[in-house]
Protein backbone atom coordinates (compact mmCIF):
# COMPACT_ATOMS: atom_id res chain seq x y z
CA MET A 1 -24.04 43.46 -42.09
CA GLU A 2 -22.04 42.72 -45.21
CA THR A 3 -21.53 46.45 -45.77
CA ILE A 4 -20.19 46.98 -42.24
CA ILE A 5 -17.91 43.97 -42.58
CA GLN A 6 -16.53 45.35 -45.86
CA MET A 7 -15.98 48.78 -44.31
CA LEU A 8 -14.13 47.17 -41.39
CA ARG A 9 -12.03 45.09 -43.78
CA ASP A 10 -11.07 48.21 -45.73
CA THR A 11 -9.54 49.74 -42.58
CA VAL A 12 -7.27 46.76 -41.83
CA ASP A 13 -3.65 47.66 -42.55
CA GLY A 14 -0.26 46.59 -41.26
CA ALA A 15 0.63 43.76 -38.90
CA VAL A 16 -1.51 44.88 -35.93
CA CYS A 17 -4.59 47.02 -35.31
CA SER A 18 -5.84 48.88 -32.30
CA ARG A 19 -7.67 46.57 -29.92
CA SER A 20 -10.25 49.28 -29.23
CA ARG A 21 -10.94 49.65 -32.97
CA VAL A 22 -11.47 45.90 -33.33
CA MET A 23 -13.74 45.84 -30.27
CA ASP A 24 -15.75 48.78 -31.64
CA GLY A 25 -16.15 46.95 -34.94
CA LEU A 26 -17.34 43.77 -33.24
CA LEU A 27 -19.78 45.71 -31.08
CA ASP A 28 -21.13 47.60 -34.12
CA LEU A 29 -21.72 44.27 -35.83
CA ARG A 30 -23.35 42.91 -32.67
CA LEU A 31 -25.87 45.77 -32.70
CA GLU A 32 -26.60 45.08 -36.37
CA ALA A 33 -26.98 41.33 -35.74
CA ASP A 34 -29.98 41.67 -33.43
CA GLY A 35 -32.23 38.67 -34.01
CA ARG A 36 -29.45 36.55 -35.56
CA PRO A 37 -28.36 34.06 -32.87
CA ASP A 38 -25.78 32.54 -35.23
CA MET A 39 -24.05 35.91 -35.65
CA LEU A 40 -24.42 36.85 -32.00
CA ASP A 41 -22.71 33.60 -30.94
CA LEU A 42 -19.79 34.23 -33.29
CA LEU A 43 -19.44 37.84 -32.22
CA ASP A 44 -19.58 36.99 -28.52
CA THR A 45 -16.92 34.32 -29.05
CA ALA A 46 -14.71 36.77 -30.95
CA LEU A 47 -15.08 39.37 -28.20
CA ALA A 48 -14.21 36.81 -25.52
CA GLU A 49 -11.21 35.40 -27.42
CA MET A 50 -9.78 38.68 -28.75
CA PRO A 51 -6.01 38.57 -28.28
CA GLY A 52 -3.74 41.35 -27.06
CA ALA A 53 -3.95 44.05 -24.45
CA ASN A 54 -3.53 47.05 -26.77
CA THR A 55 -3.22 45.61 -30.28
CA VAL A 56 -4.70 42.71 -32.23
CA PRO A 57 -2.88 40.87 -35.04
CA THR A 58 -4.46 41.82 -38.36
CA ASP A 59 -4.41 38.15 -39.41
CA TRP A 60 -6.71 37.30 -36.48
CA TRP A 61 -9.02 40.22 -37.33
CA ARG A 62 -9.18 39.34 -41.03
CA GLU A 63 -10.00 35.69 -40.22
CA ARG A 64 -12.85 36.77 -37.96
CA LEU A 65 -14.20 39.14 -40.61
CA ASP A 66 -14.05 36.34 -43.21
CA ILE A 67 -15.98 33.97 -40.93
CA LEU A 68 -18.52 36.63 -40.01
CA GLU A 69 -19.06 37.50 -43.66
CA LEU A 70 -19.67 33.86 -44.58
CA VAL A 71 -22.28 33.47 -41.85
CA ALA A 72 -23.89 36.84 -42.67
CA ILE A 73 -24.32 35.76 -46.28
CA ASN A 74 -25.34 32.17 -45.47
CA PRO A 75 -27.31 32.17 -42.19
CA VAL A 76 -27.19 29.04 -40.08
CA GLU A 77 -30.70 27.65 -39.90
CA PRO A 78 -31.81 26.07 -36.60
CA VAL A 79 -32.43 22.33 -36.78
CA ALA A 80 -36.04 21.45 -35.96
């Protein structure tokens, strides 16, 4: 997942990005996150809260990628 996140981060440029590109990135990560409920929850939230009709602010996208990377590297363990 970290590799995909880095590849997505490398494509972020300018003040806004294509909403469809951001959605594709989130869906690619969702496929990769199978079996990781912590990542799936974050990705579903990001998909539901994605701003814009045609474009997404790059600041919003970068923040989501930062959060996703932190959780990918440090999985949230369920409390027993």
